[in-house]
């Protein structure tokens, strides 16, 4: 995939994003600790590109994406977004009324296409709901817009009077994509949009997203755990581990020369369609640390075979080791992972 042209200013600039959930105890529900679901995440998304956000379940990638959408209020950090009018605003500090005009510019595609659609509403009402909520058009105009959106995602407009249960999983996800595009958004957050689909259908939906991105000039934040999926669609990849960003680089560099041991282990663990190729060395030992009580120093050091004494006591900073390639590892550039 060719990288989009460089922008002087990113569409989205996330700085030090944090989301802590309190741990309460006792009759008075006193706070005794925090789950550090997102712990100081930094990345940018340029207009027209796809940034893949990957990691194991529980690493905080979905929480980070929901903070960006303000479906969850962040604990700290900045979420700088460049609006259609060219103004840069901090989404993290805006009130509900101030966020309302921006809701049309930032939309989300959810993981479960059936759970995200109202089973008691027809496609016309499901797909047209964002238009109704934002006061866009009258009934006739909304109907015409829904018909246009259904054609755009490869469905027949006559389907708009049917209910979600009448469609397959792949078709329902196309419906969810149509709904996300209803308000002509600039930024689309896709939260594992193909993980609930059959493998044979995943490629169709991914190719549809790429086609829509090219046609509508969309920007994607693509959240996933399947590296083969992320490789197919992303221009750059950000890898998360226990709430932190551990590596960020162009897709080709991530897969060709990872600079963090966790990223390298993920690469080796990807199944290869060849029974003669062994992938056992990609299996990580140990358990993922709890975000409520992360280890000292580097969060990954208890599972890292390259760890040295420094890794156990000193937390590494996210640093740029090559143009556009960032990693959170003391040994990056010194050890081949």
C-alpha atoms as a PDB file:
ATOM      1  CA  UNK A   1       0.000   0.000   0.000  1.00  0.00           C
ATOM      2  CA  UNK A   2       1.373   3.395  -0.910  1.00  0.00           C
ATOM      3  CA  UNK A   3       1.648   5.831   1.971  1.00  0.00           C
ATOM      4  CA  UNK A   4      -0.510   8.958   1.786  1.00  0.00           C
ATOM      5  CA  UNK A   5       1.130  12.287   1.172  1.00  0.00           C
ATOM      6  CA  UNK A   6       2.705  13.832   4.258  1.00  0.00           C
ATOM      7  CA  UNK A   7       0.605  16.507   5.909  1.00  0.00           C
ATOM      8  CA  UNK A   8       1.990  19.598   7.593  1.00  0.00           C
ATOM      9  CA  UNK A   9      -0.422  18.954  10.454  1.00  0.00           C
ATOM     10  CA  UNK A  10      -1.950  15.594  11.407  1.00  0.00           C
ATOM     11  CA  UNK A  11      -5.693  15.063  11.434  1.00  0.00           C
ATOM     12  CA  UNK A  12      -5.453  13.469  14.888  1.00  0.00           C
ATOM     13  CA  UNK A  13      -2.658  13.991  17.425  1.00  0.00           C
ATOM     14  CA  UNK A  14      -2.905  11.936  20.637  1.00  0.00           C
ATOM     15  CA  UNK A  15      -0.510  13.039  23.389  1.00  0.00           C
ATOM     16  CA  UNK A  16      -0.043  11.296  26.726  1.00  0.00           C
ATOM     17  CA  UNK A  17      -3.503   9.717  26.657  1.00  0.00           C
ATOM     18  CA  UNK A  18      -4.461   8.072  29.949  1.00  0.00           C
ATOM     19  CA  UNK A  19      -7.502   6.192  31.160  1.00  0.00           C
ATOM     20  CA  UNK A  20      -7.490   4.822  34.704  1.00  0.00           C
ATOM     21  CA  UNK A  21     -10.415   2.921  36.185  1.00  0.00           C
ATOM     22  CA  UNK A  22     -10.699   3.102  40.000  1.00  0.00           C
ATOM     23  CA  UNK A  23     -10.558  -0.042  42.146  1.00  0.00           C
ATOM     24  CA  UNK A  24     -12.911   0.324  45.111  1.00  0.00           C
ATOM     25  CA  UNK A  25     -13.187  -1.724  48.262  1.00  0.00           C
ATOM     26  CA  UNK A  26     -15.297  -1.945  51.392  1.00  0.00           C
ATOM     27  CA  UNK A  27     -18.718  -0.667  52.392  1.00  0.00           C
ATOM     28  CA  UNK A  28     -17.752   2.932  51.656  1.00  0.00           C
ATOM     29  CA  UNK A  29     -16.306   1.955  48.273  1.00  0.00           C
ATOM     30  CA  UNK A  30     -13.031   3.721  48.904  1.00  0.00           C
ATOM     31  CA  UNK A  31     -10.584   3.845  46.019  1.00  0.00           C
ATOM     32  CA  UNK A  32      -7.620   1.566  46.774  1.00  0.00           C
ATOM     33  CA  UNK A  33      -5.968   1.567  43.379  1.00  0.00           C
ATOM     34  CA  UNK A  34      -6.425   2.029  39.647  1.00  0.00           C
ATOM     35  CA  UNK A  35      -6.482  -0.122  36.544  1.00  0.00           C
ATOM     36  CA  UNK A  36      -4.163   1.685  34.148  1.00  0.00           C
ATOM     37  CA  UNK A  37      -6.013   0.664  30.973  1.00  0.00           C
ATOM     38  CA  UNK A  38      -4.310   3.341  28.859  1.00  0.00           C
ATOM     39  CA  UNK A  39      -1.074   4.644  30.320  1.00  0.00           C
ATOM     40  CA  UNK A  40       0.437   7.549  28.382  1.00  0.00           C
ATOM     41  CA  UNK A  41      -0.171   6.782  24.698  1.00  0.00           C
ATOM     42  CA  UNK A  42       1.183   9.052  21.936  1.00  0.00           C
ATOM     43  CA  UNK A  43       0.524   8.775  18.194  1.00  0.00           C
ATOM     44  CA  UNK A  44      -0.642  10.783  15.209  1.00  0.00           C
ATOM     45  CA  UNK A  45      -2.948   9.939  12.317  1.00  0.00           C
ATOM     46  CA  UNK A  46      -2.429  11.822   9.063  1.00  0.00           C
ATOM     47  CA  UNK A  47      -5.318  12.677   6.795  1.00  0.00           C
ATOM     48  CA  UNK A  48      -6.035   9.927   4.277  1.00  0.00           C
ATOM     49  CA  UNK A  49      -3.997   7.195   5.988  1.00  0.00           C
ATOM     50  CA  UNK A  50      -4.858   4.087   7.991  1.00  0.00           C
ATOM     51  CA  UNK A  51      -3.151   3.607  11.340  1.00  0.00           C
ATOM     52  CA  UNK A  52      -3.431   0.071  12.690  1.00  0.00           C
ATOM     53  CA  UNK A  53      -3.609  -0.183  16.495  1.00  0.00           C
ATOM     54  CA  UNK A  54      -2.747  -3.751  17.541  1.00  0.00           C
ATOM     55  CA  UNK A  55      -2.060  -5.798  20.654  1.00  0.00           C
ATOM     56  CA  UNK A  56      -3.305  -8.677  22.764  1.00  0.00           C
ATOM     57  CA  UNK A  57      -6.760  -8.669  24.330  1.00  0.00           C
ATOM     58  CA  UNK A  58      -6.780  -6.345  27.319  1.00  0.00           C
ATOM     59  CA  UNK A  59      -3.869  -4.204  26.141  1.00  0.00           C
ATOM     60  CA  UNK A  60      -6.030  -1.058  26.068  1.00  0.00           C
ATOM     61  CA  UNK A  61      -6.432  -0.524  22.338  1.00  0.00           C
ATOM     62  CA  UNK A  62     -10.243  -0.451  22.386  1.00  0.00           C
ATOM     63  CA  UNK A  63     -10.279   1.792  25.461  1.00  0.00           C
ATOM     64  CA  UNK A  64      -7.913   4.200  23.690  1.00  0.00           C
ATOM     65  CA  UNK A  65     -10.168   4.305  20.629  1.00  0.00           C
ATOM     66  CA  UNK A  66     -13.250   4.951  22.770  1.00  0.00           C
ATOM     67  CA  UNK A  67     -11.446   7.780  24.538  1.00  0.00           C
ATOM     68  CA  UNK A  68     -10.758   9.372  21.159  1.00  0.00           C
ATOM     69  CA  UNK A  69     -14.459   9.146  20.358  1.00  0.00           C
ATOM     70  CA  UNK A  70     -15.265  10.421  23.857  1.00  0.00           C
ATOM     71  CA  UNK A  71     -17.480   7.404  24.417  1.00  0.00           C
ATOM     72  CA  UNK A  72     -15.226   7.127  27.493  1.00  0.00           C
ATOM     73  CA  UNK A  73     -13.837  10.204  29.241  1.00  0.00           C
ATOM     74  CA  UNK A  74     -10.021  10.106  29.412  1.00  0.00           C
ATOM     75  CA  UNK A  75      -8.225  10.544  32.723  1.00  0.00           C
ATOM     76  CA  UNK A  76      -5.463  12.657  31.217  1.00  0.00           C
ATOM     77  CA  UNK A  77      -3.671  13.664  28.049  1.00  0.00           C
ATOM     78  CA  UNK A  78      -4.648  15.524  24.901  1.00  0.00           C
ATOM     79  CA  UNK A  79      -6.641  14.414  21.845  1.00  0.00           C
ATOM     80  CA  UNK A  80      -5.996  17.120  19.270  1.00  0.00           C
ATOM     81  CA  UNK A  81      -8.286  16.946  16.242  1.00  0.00           C
ATOM     82  CA  UNK A  82      -8.200  19.183  13.176  1.00  0.00           C
ATOM     83  CA  UNK A  83     -11.805  19.975  12.253  1.00  0.00           C
ATOM     84  CA  UNK A  84     -13.220  20.355   8.767  1.00  0.00           C
ATOM     85  CA  UNK A  85     -12.936  24.109   9.223  1.00  0.00           C
ATOM     86  CA  UNK A  86      -9.199  23.769   9.946  1.00  0.00           C
ATOM     87  CA  UNK A  87      -9.398  24.549  13.669  1.00  0.00           C
ATOM     88  CA  UNK A  88      -7.483  22.299  16.083  1.00  0.00           C
ATOM     89  CA  UNK A  89      -9.498  21.337  19.182  1.00  0.00           C
ATOM     90  CA  UNK A  90      -8.732  19.122  22.176  1.00  0.00           C
ATOM     91  CA  UNK A  91     -11.475  16.499  22.221  1.00  0.00           C
ATOM     92  CA  UNK A  92     -10.462  15.449  25.735  1.00  0.00           C
ATOM     93  CA  UNK A  93     -11.619  18.736  27.277  1.00  0.00           C
ATOM     94  CA  UNK A  94     -14.781  19.485  25.274  1.00  0.00           C
ATOM     95  CA  UNK A  95     -18.194  19.351  26.892  1.00  0.00           C
ATOM     96  CA  UNK A  96     -21.055  17.292  25.461  1.00  0.00           C
ATOM     97  CA  UNK A  97     -22.546  20.345  23.758  1.00  0.00           C
ATOM     98  CA  UNK A  98     -19.175  21.318  22.275  1.00  0.00           C
ATOM     99  CA  UNK A  99     -18.641  17.761  20.991  1.00  0.00           C
ATOM    100  CA  UNK A 100     -22.039  17.626  19.279  1.00  0.00           C
ATOM    101  CA  UNK A 101     -21.032  19.486  16.069  1.00  0.00           C
ATOM    102  CA  UNK A 102     -18.001  17.190  15.715  1.00  0.00           C
ATOM    103  CA  UNK A 103     -19.967  13.943  15.977  1.00  0.00           C
ATOM    104  CA  UNK A 104     -20.675  14.024  12.253  1.00  0.00           C
ATOM    105  CA  UNK A 105     -16.928  14.168  11.501  1.00  0.00           C
ATOM    106  CA  UNK A 106     -15.860  11.186  13.652  1.00  0.00           C
ATOM    107  CA  UNK A 107     -17.725   7.882  13.435  1.00  0.00           C
ATOM    108  CA  UNK A 108     -17.173   4.287  14.570  1.00  0.00           C
ATOM    109  CA  UNK A 109     -17.587   0.804  13.117  1.00  0.00           C
ATOM    110  CA  UNK A 110     -18.178  -1.685  15.923  1.00  0.00           C
ATOM    111  CA  UNK A 111     -16.853  -5.222  16.259  1.00  0.00           C
ATOM    112  CA  UNK A 112     -20.189  -7.042  16.463  1.00  0.00           C
ATOM    113  CA  UNK A 113     -22.343  -6.082  13.460  1.00  0.00           C
ATOM    114  CA  UNK A 114     -25.483  -7.684  14.894  1.00  0.00           C
ATOM    115  CA  UNK A 115     -25.134  -6.257  18.385  1.00  0.00           C
ATOM    116  CA  UNK A 116     -24.556  -2.741  17.052  1.00  0.00           C
ATOM    117  CA  UNK A 117     -27.745  -2.716  14.948  1.00  0.00           C
ATOM    118  CA  UNK A 118     -31.193  -2.298  16.502  1.00  0.00           C
ATOM    119  CA  UNK A 119     -33.063  -5.546  15.658  1.00  0.00           C
ATOM    120  CA  UNK A 120     -36.427  -3.744  15.878  1.00  0.00           C
ATOM    121  CA  UNK A 121     -35.492  -1.138  13.291  1.00  0.00           C
ATOM    122  CA  UNK A 122     -35.342  -1.563   9.532  1.00  0.00           C
ATOM    123  CA  UNK A 123     -32.214  -0.770   7.560  1.00  0.00           C
ATOM    124  CA  UNK A 124     -33.769   2.558   6.639  1.00  0.00           C
ATOM    125  CA  UNK A 125     -33.992   3.541  10.307  1.00  0.00           C
ATOM    126  CA  UNK A 126     -30.703   1.923  11.362  1.00  0.00           C
ATOM    127  CA  UNK A 127     -28.605   3.516   8.638  1.00  0.00           C
ATOM    128  CA  UNK A 128     -30.558   6.770   8.673  1.00  0.00           C
ATOM    129  CA  UNK A 129     -30.453   7.226  12.455  1.00  0.00           C
ATOM    130  CA  UNK A 130     -27.240   9.345  12.466  1.00  0.00           C
ATOM    131  CA  UNK A 131     -28.921  11.685   9.969  1.00  0.00           C
ATOM    132  CA  UNK A 132     -32.046  11.914  12.131  1.00  0.00           C
ATOM    133  CA  UNK A 133     -30.091  12.490  15.361  1.00  0.00           C
ATOM    134  CA  UNK A 134     -27.979  15.238  13.770  1.00  0.00           C
ATOM    135  CA  UNK A 135     -30.974  16.879  12.097  1.00  0.00           C
ATOM    136  CA  UNK A 136     -29.741  16.273   8.554  1.00  0.00           C
ATOM    137  CA  UNK A 137     -32.437  16.322   5.846  1.00  0.00           C
ATOM    138  CA  UNK A 138     -36.123  15.492   5.870  1.00  0.00           C
ATOM    139  CA  UNK A 139     -37.632  11.996   5.618  1.00  0.00           C
ATOM    140  CA  UNK A 140     -37.406  11.889   1.827  1.00  0.00           C
ATOM    141  CA  UNK A 141     -33.821  13.139   1.773  1.00  0.00           C
ATOM    142  CA  UNK A 142     -32.811  10.616   4.428  1.00  0.00           C
ATOM    143  CA  UNK A 143     -34.404   7.805   2.436  1.00  0.00           C
ATOM    144  CA  UNK A 144     -32.493   8.835  -0.687  1.00  0.00           C
ATOM    145  CA  UNK A 145     -29.274   9.038   1.323  1.00  0.00           C
ATOM    146  CA  UNK A 146     -29.790   5.541   2.787  1.00  0.00           C
ATOM    147  CA  UNK A 147     -30.368   4.143  -0.714  1.00  0.00           C
ATOM    148  CA  UNK A 148     -27.137   5.788  -1.869  1.00  0.00           C
ATOM    149  CA  UNK A 149     -25.206   4.395   1.108  1.00  0.00           C
ATOM    150  CA  UNK A 150     -26.505   0.861   0.570  1.00  0.00           C
ATOM    151  CA  UNK A 151     -25.383   0.967  -3.064  1.00  0.00           C
ATOM    152  CA  UNK A 152     -22.030   2.319  -1.909  1.00  0.00           C
ATOM    153  CA  UNK A 153     -21.383  -0.728   0.310  1.00  0.00           C
ATOM    154  CA  UNK A 154     -22.613  -3.257  -2.259  1.00  0.00           C
ATOM    155  CA  UNK A 155     -26.214  -3.812  -1.087  1.00  0.00           C
ATOM    156  CA  UNK A 156     -29.455  -3.267  -2.960  1.00  0.00           C
ATOM    157  CA  UNK A 157     -31.537  -0.210  -1.960  1.00  0.00           C
ATOM    158  CA  UNK A 158     -34.655  -2.406  -1.869  1.00  0.00           C
ATOM    159  CA  UNK A 159     -33.229  -4.009   1.276  1.00  0.00           C
ATOM    160  CA  UNK A 160     -33.834  -0.856   3.317  1.00  0.00           C
ATOM    161  CA  UNK A 161     -37.257  -2.064   4.511  1.00  0.00           C
ATOM    162  CA  UNK A 162     -35.884  -5.334   5.909  1.00  0.00           C
ATOM    163  CA  UNK A 163     -34.655  -5.999   9.438  1.00  0.00           C
ATOM    164  CA  UNK A 164     -31.036  -6.904  10.426  1.00  0.00           C
ATOM    165  CA  UNK A 165     -31.867 -10.566  11.199  1.00  0.00           C
ATOM    166  CA  UNK A 166     -32.555 -11.161   7.501  1.00  0.00           C
ATOM    167  CA  UNK A 167     -28.894 -10.646   6.585  1.00  0.00           C
ATOM    168  CA  UNK A 168     -25.664 -12.605   6.954  1.00  0.00           C
ATOM    169  CA  UNK A 169     -22.789 -11.443   9.163  1.00  0.00           C
ATOM    170  CA  UNK A 170     -20.888  -9.949   6.248  1.00  0.00           C
ATOM    171  CA  UNK A 171     -23.966  -8.104   5.019  1.00  0.00           C
ATOM    172  CA  UNK A 172     -24.686  -6.773   8.504  1.00  0.00           C
ATOM    173  CA  UNK A 173     -21.166  -5.397   8.724  1.00  0.00           C
ATOM    174  CA  UNK A 174     -21.690  -3.672   5.376  1.00  0.00           C
ATOM    175  CA  UNK A 175     -24.836  -2.136   6.888  1.00  0.00           C
ATOM    176  CA  UNK A 176     -22.821  -0.959   9.894  1.00  0.00           C
ATOM    177  CA  UNK A 177     -20.242   0.579   7.546  1.00  0.00           C
ATOM    178  CA  UNK A 178     -23.011   2.359   5.642  1.00  0.00           C
ATOM    179  CA  UNK A 179     -24.338   3.784   8.902  1.00  0.00           C
ATOM    180  CA  UNK A 180     -20.873   5.024   9.898  1.00  0.00           C
ATOM    181  CA  UNK A 181     -20.584   6.847   6.556  1.00  0.00           C
ATOM    182  CA  UNK A 182     -24.027   8.448   6.732  1.00  0.00           C
ATOM    183  CA  UNK A 183     -22.776  11.839   7.950  1.00  0.00           C
ATOM    184  CA  UNK A 184     -19.767  12.035   5.593  1.00  0.00           C
ATOM    185  CA  UNK A 185     -17.145  11.620   8.366  1.00  0.00           C
ATOM    186  CA  UNK A 186     -13.468  12.448   7.993  1.00  0.00           C
ATOM    187  CA  UNK A 187     -12.182  10.042  10.655  1.00  0.00           C
ATOM    188  CA  UNK A 188     -13.555   6.507  11.088  1.00  0.00           C
ATOM    189  CA  UNK A 189     -12.555   4.395  14.091  1.00  0.00           C
ATOM    190  CA  UNK A 190     -12.933   0.717  13.169  1.00  0.00           C
ATOM    191  CA  UNK A 191     -12.909  -1.506  16.265  1.00  0.00           C
ATOM    192  CA  UNK A 192     -12.007  -5.011  15.032  1.00  0.00           C
ATOM    193  CA  UNK A 193     -14.568  -4.721  12.196  1.00  0.00           C
ATOM    194  CA  UNK A 194     -13.802  -8.136  10.647  1.00  0.00           C
ATOM    195  CA  UNK A 195     -12.923 -10.291  13.673  1.00  0.00           C
ATOM    196  CA  UNK A 196     -16.506 -11.591  13.984  1.00  0.00           C
ATOM    197  CA  UNK A 197     -16.665 -12.600  10.303  1.00  0.00           C
ATOM    198  CA  UNK A 198     -15.707 -15.762   8.438  1.00  0.00           C
ATOM    199  CA  UNK A 199     -12.240 -15.658   6.905  1.00  0.00           C
ATOM    200  CA  UNK A 200     -13.764 -15.861   3.416  1.00  0.00           C
ATOM    201  CA  UNK A 201     -15.762 -12.694   4.121  1.00  0.00           C
ATOM    202  CA  UNK A 202     -13.010 -10.736   5.872  1.00  0.00           C
ATOM    203  CA  UNK A 203     -11.113 -10.011   2.661  1.00  0.00           C
ATOM    204  CA  UNK A 204     -14.283  -8.709   0.983  1.00  0.00           C
ATOM    205  CA  UNK A 205     -14.971  -6.262   3.823  1.00  0.00           C
ATOM    206  CA  UNK A 206     -11.331  -5.136   3.990  1.00  0.00           C
ATOM    207  CA  UNK A 207     -11.266  -4.495   0.242  1.00  0.00           C
ATOM    208  CA  UNK A 208     -14.521  -2.563   0.597  1.00  0.00           C
ATOM    209  CA  UNK A 209     -12.948  -0.359   3.280  1.00  0.00           C
ATOM    210  CA  UNK A 210      -9.924   0.303   1.063  1.00  0.00           C
ATOM    211  CA  UNK A 211     -12.186   1.185  -1.863  1.00  0.00           C
ATOM    212  CA  UNK A 212     -14.287   3.519   0.287  1.00  0.00           C
ATOM    213  CA  UNK A 213     -11.174   5.161   1.683  1.00  0.00           C
ATOM    214  CA  UNK A 214      -9.908   5.917  -1.810  1.00  0.00           C
ATOM    215  CA  UNK A 215     -13.285   7.112  -3.069  1.00  0.00           C
ATOM    216  CA  UNK A 216     -14.351   9.190  -0.054  1.00  0.00           C
ATOM    217  CA  UNK A 217     -10.901  10.345   1.177  1.00  0.00           C
ATOM    218  CA  UNK A 218     -11.417   8.704   4.579  1.00  0.00           C
ATOM    219  CA  UNK A 219      -8.951   8.392   7.445  1.00  0.00           C
ATOM    220  CA  UNK A 220      -9.031   5.174   9.495  1.00  0.00           C
ATOM    221  CA  UNK A 221      -7.906   4.250  12.986  1.00  0.00           C
ATOM    222  CA  UNK A 222      -8.069   0.469  12.587  1.00  0.00           C
ATOM    223  CA  UNK A 223      -8.104  -1.472  15.882  1.00  0.00           C
ATOM    224  CA  UNK A 224      -7.323  -5.191  15.568  1.00  0.00           C
ATOM    225  CA  UNK A 225      -5.437  -8.139  17.022  1.00  0.00           C
ATOM    226  CA  UNK A 226      -5.006 -10.060  13.743  1.00  0.00           C
ATOM    227  CA  UNK A 227      -1.679  -8.968  12.266  1.00  0.00           C
ATOM    228  CA  UNK A 228      -2.430 -10.353   8.812  1.00  0.00           C
ATOM    229  CA  UNK A 229      -5.510  -8.134   8.646  1.00  0.00           C
ATOM    230  CA  UNK A 230      -3.609  -5.070   9.843  1.00  0.00           C
ATOM    231  CA  UNK A 231      -0.822  -5.701   7.354  1.00  0.00           C
ATOM    232  CA  UNK A 232      -3.307  -5.719   4.482  1.00  0.00           C
ATOM    233  CA  UNK A 233      -4.969  -2.413   5.290  1.00  0.00           C
ATOM    234  CA  UNK A 234      -2.592  -0.229   7.335  1.00  0.00           C
ATOM    235  CA  UNK A 235      -0.042   2.380   6.264  1.00  0.00           C
ATOM    236  CA  UNK A 236       1.498   2.454   9.745  1.00  0.00           C
ATOM    237  CA  UNK A 237       1.128   0.201  12.779  1.00  0.00           C
ATOM    238  CA  UNK A 238       1.120   1.075  16.483  1.00  0.00           C
ATOM    239  CA  UNK A 239       1.687  -1.832  18.893  1.00  0.00           C
ATOM    240  CA  UNK A 240       0.290  -1.671  22.439  1.00  0.00           C
ATOM    241  CA  UNK A 241       1.227  -3.700  25.515  1.00  0.00           C
ATOM    242  CA  UNK A 242      -0.366  -3.289  28.979  1.00  0.00           C
ATOM    243  CA  UNK A 243      -1.734   0.155  28.187  1.00  0.00           C
ATOM    244  CA  UNK A 244       1.454   1.530  26.626  1.00  0.00           C
ATOM    245  CA  UNK A 245       2.576   2.069  23.056  1.00  0.00           C
ATOM    246  CA  UNK A 246       5.728  -0.036  22.572  1.00  0.00           C
ATOM    247  CA  UNK A 247       6.362   0.479  18.851  1.00  0.00           C
ATOM    248  CA  UNK A 248       5.130   2.688  16.035  1.00  0.00           C
ATOM    249  CA  UNK A 249       6.408   2.489  12.452  1.00  0.00           C
ATOM    250  CA  UNK A 250       5.394   2.076   8.794  1.00  0.00           C
ATOM    251  CA  UNK A 251       3.885  -1.344   8.103  1.00  0.00           C
ATOM    252  CA  UNK A 252       6.811  -2.590   6.000  1.00  0.00           C
ATOM    253  CA  UNK A 253       9.300  -1.737   8.755  1.00  0.00           C
ATOM    254  CA  UNK A 254       7.223  -3.338  11.498  1.00  0.00           C
ATOM    255  CA  UNK A 255       7.055  -6.618   9.598  1.00  0.00           C
ATOM    256  CA  UNK A 256      10.553  -6.418   8.139  1.00  0.00           C
ATOM    257  CA  UNK A 257      12.598  -5.226  11.090  1.00  0.00           C
ATOM    258  CA  UNK A 258      10.703  -4.906  14.396  1.00  0.00           C
ATOM    259  CA  UNK A 259      12.591  -2.983  17.074  1.00  0.00           C
ATOM    260  CA  UNK A 260      10.771  -4.234  20.176  1.00  0.00           C
ATOM    261  CA  UNK A 261      10.889  -7.854  21.435  1.00  0.00           C
ATOM    262  CA  UNK A 262       7.121  -7.949  21.927  1.00  0.00           C
ATOM    263  CA  UNK A 263       6.505  -6.883  18.330  1.00  0.00           C
ATOM    264  CA  UNK A 264       9.046  -9.460  17.117  1.00  0.00           C
ATOM    265  CA  UNK A 265       7.301 -12.194  19.114  1.00  0.00           C
ATOM    266  CA  UNK A 266       3.954 -11.221  17.591  1.00  0.00           C
ATOM    267  CA  UNK A 267       5.477 -11.449  14.117  1.00  0.00           C
ATOM    268  CA  UNK A 268       6.902 -14.932  14.764  1.00  0.00           C
ATOM    269  CA  UNK A 269       3.606 -16.145  16.181  1.00  0.00           C
ATOM    270  CA  UNK A 270       1.692 -15.427  12.957  1.00  0.00           C
ATOM    271  CA  UNK A 271       0.754 -18.829  11.449  1.00  0.00           C
ATOM    272  CA  UNK A 272       2.420 -19.644   8.136  1.00  0.00           C
ATOM    273  CA  UNK A 273       0.575 -21.698   5.516  1.00  0.00           C
ATOM    274  CA  UNK A 274       3.374 -24.265   5.351  1.00  0.00           C
ATOM    275  CA  UNK A 275       3.473 -27.352   7.628  1.00  0.00           C
ATOM    276  CA  UNK A 276       7.265 -27.422   7.376  1.00  0.00           C
ATOM    277  CA  UNK A 277       7.630 -24.019   9.033  1.00  0.00           C
ATOM    278  CA  UNK A 278       7.768 -24.089  12.816  1.00  0.00           C
ATOM    279  CA  UNK A 279       6.475 -21.088  14.776  1.00  0.00           C
ATOM    280  CA  UNK A 280       6.968 -22.362  18.324  1.00  0.00           C
ATOM    281  CA  UNK A 281       9.750 -19.861  18.967  1.00  0.00           C
ATOM    282  CA  UNK A 282       7.184 -17.088  18.676  1.00  0.00           C
ATOM    283  CA  UNK A 283       5.298 -18.291  21.746  1.00  0.00           C
ATOM    284  CA  UNK A 284       5.877 -15.961  24.704  1.00  0.00           C
ATOM    285  CA  UNK A 285       6.360 -17.389  28.174  1.00  0.00           C
ATOM    286  CA  UNK A 286       4.748 -16.019  31.282  1.00  0.00           C
ATOM    287  CA  UNK A 287       1.536 -14.076  31.703  1.00  0.00           C
ATOM    288  CA  UNK A 288       0.479 -10.599  30.650  1.00  0.00           C
ATOM    289  CA  UNK A 289       0.931  -8.339  33.716  1.00  0.00           C
ATOM    290  CA  UNK A 290      -2.144  -6.848  35.329  1.00  0.00           C
ATOM    291  CA  UNK A 291      -2.666  -3.181  34.406  1.00  0.00           C
ATOM    292  CA  UNK A 292      -3.714  -2.701  38.031  1.00  0.00           C
ATOM    293  CA  UNK A 293      -0.216  -3.684  39.226  1.00  0.00           C
ATOM    294  CA  UNK A 294       2.273  -3.444  36.339  1.00  0.00           C
ATOM    295  CA  UNK A 295       5.896  -4.485  36.970  1.00  0.00           C
ATOM    296  CA  UNK A 296       8.624  -1.955  37.653  1.00  0.00           C
ATOM    297  CA  UNK A 297      10.838  -0.763  34.824  1.00  0.00           C
ATOM    298  CA  UNK A 298       9.848  -2.039  31.401  1.00  0.00           C
ATOM    299  CA  UNK A 299       6.408  -3.669  31.554  1.00  0.00           C
ATOM    300  CA  UNK A 300       7.590  -6.390  29.176  1.00  0.00           C
ATOM    301  CA  UNK A 301      10.764  -7.410  31.020  1.00  0.00           C
ATOM    302  CA  UNK A 302       9.270 -10.433  32.904  1.00  0.00           C
ATOM    303  CA  UNK A 303       8.565 -12.091  29.529  1.00  0.00           C
ATOM    304  CA  UNK A 304      11.582 -10.825  27.575  1.00  0.00           C
ATOM    305  CA  UNK A 305      14.521 -13.141  26.935  1.00  0.00           C
ATOM    306  CA  UNK A 306      16.751 -10.152  26.180  1.00  0.00           C
ATOM    307  CA  UNK A 307      16.053  -8.269  29.439  1.00  0.00           C
ATOM    308  CA  UNK A 308      19.014  -6.859  31.376  1.00  0.00           C
ATOM    309  CA  UNK A 309      19.236  -5.327  34.834  1.00  0.00           C
ATOM    310  CA  UNK A 310      18.376  -1.859  33.505  1.00  0.00           C
ATOM    311  CA  UNK A 311      15.085  -3.151  32.076  1.00  0.00           C
ATOM    312  CA  UNK A 312      13.920  -4.227  35.548  1.00  0.00           C
ATOM    313  CA  UNK A 313      14.330  -0.852  37.225  1.00  0.00           C
ATOM    314  CA  UNK A 314      14.193   1.872  34.558  1.00  0.00           C
ATOM    315  CA  UNK A 315      11.079   2.469  32.470  1.00  0.00           C
ATOM    316  CA  UNK A 316      12.042   3.087  28.824  1.00  0.00           C
ATOM    317  CA  UNK A 317      10.749   6.125  26.962  1.00  0.00           C
ATOM    318  CA  UNK A 318       9.165   5.973  23.530  1.00  0.00           C
ATOM    319  CA  UNK A 319      12.023   7.204  21.319  1.00  0.00           C
ATOM    320  CA  UNK A 320      12.638   7.630  17.603  1.00  0.00           C
ATOM    321  CA  UNK A 321      15.408   5.284  16.424  1.00  0.00           C
ATOM    322  CA  UNK A 322      14.883   5.910  12.702  1.00  0.00           C
ATOM    323  CA  UNK A 323      12.780   8.410  10.748  1.00  0.00           C
ATOM    324  CA  UNK A 324       9.174   7.625  11.625  1.00  0.00           C
ATOM    325  CA  UNK A 325      10.108   4.526  13.659  1.00  0.00           C
ATOM    326  CA  UNK A 326       9.489   4.779  17.416  1.00  0.00           C
ATOM    327  CA  UNK A 327      10.069   2.124  20.066  1.00  0.00           C
ATOM    328  CA  UNK A 328       9.930   1.761  23.846  1.00  0.00           C
ATOM    329  CA  UNK A 329      12.991  -0.445  24.439  1.00  0.00           C
ATOM    330  CA  UNK A 330      16.404   0.189  26.000  1.00  0.00           C
ATOM    331  CA  UNK A 331      18.055  -2.347  23.665  1.00  0.00           C
ATOM    332  CA  UNK A 332      16.588  -1.188  20.359  1.00  0.00           C
ATOM    333  CA  UNK A 333      19.316  -0.871  17.757  1.00  0.00           C
ATOM    334  CA  UNK A 334      21.726  -2.951  19.830  1.00  0.00           C
ATOM    335  CA  UNK A 335      20.034  -6.371  19.744  1.00  0.00           C
ATOM    336  CA  UNK A 336      18.373  -8.186  16.836  1.00  0.00           C
ATOM    337  CA  UNK A 337      14.989  -9.378  18.020  1.00  0.00           C
END
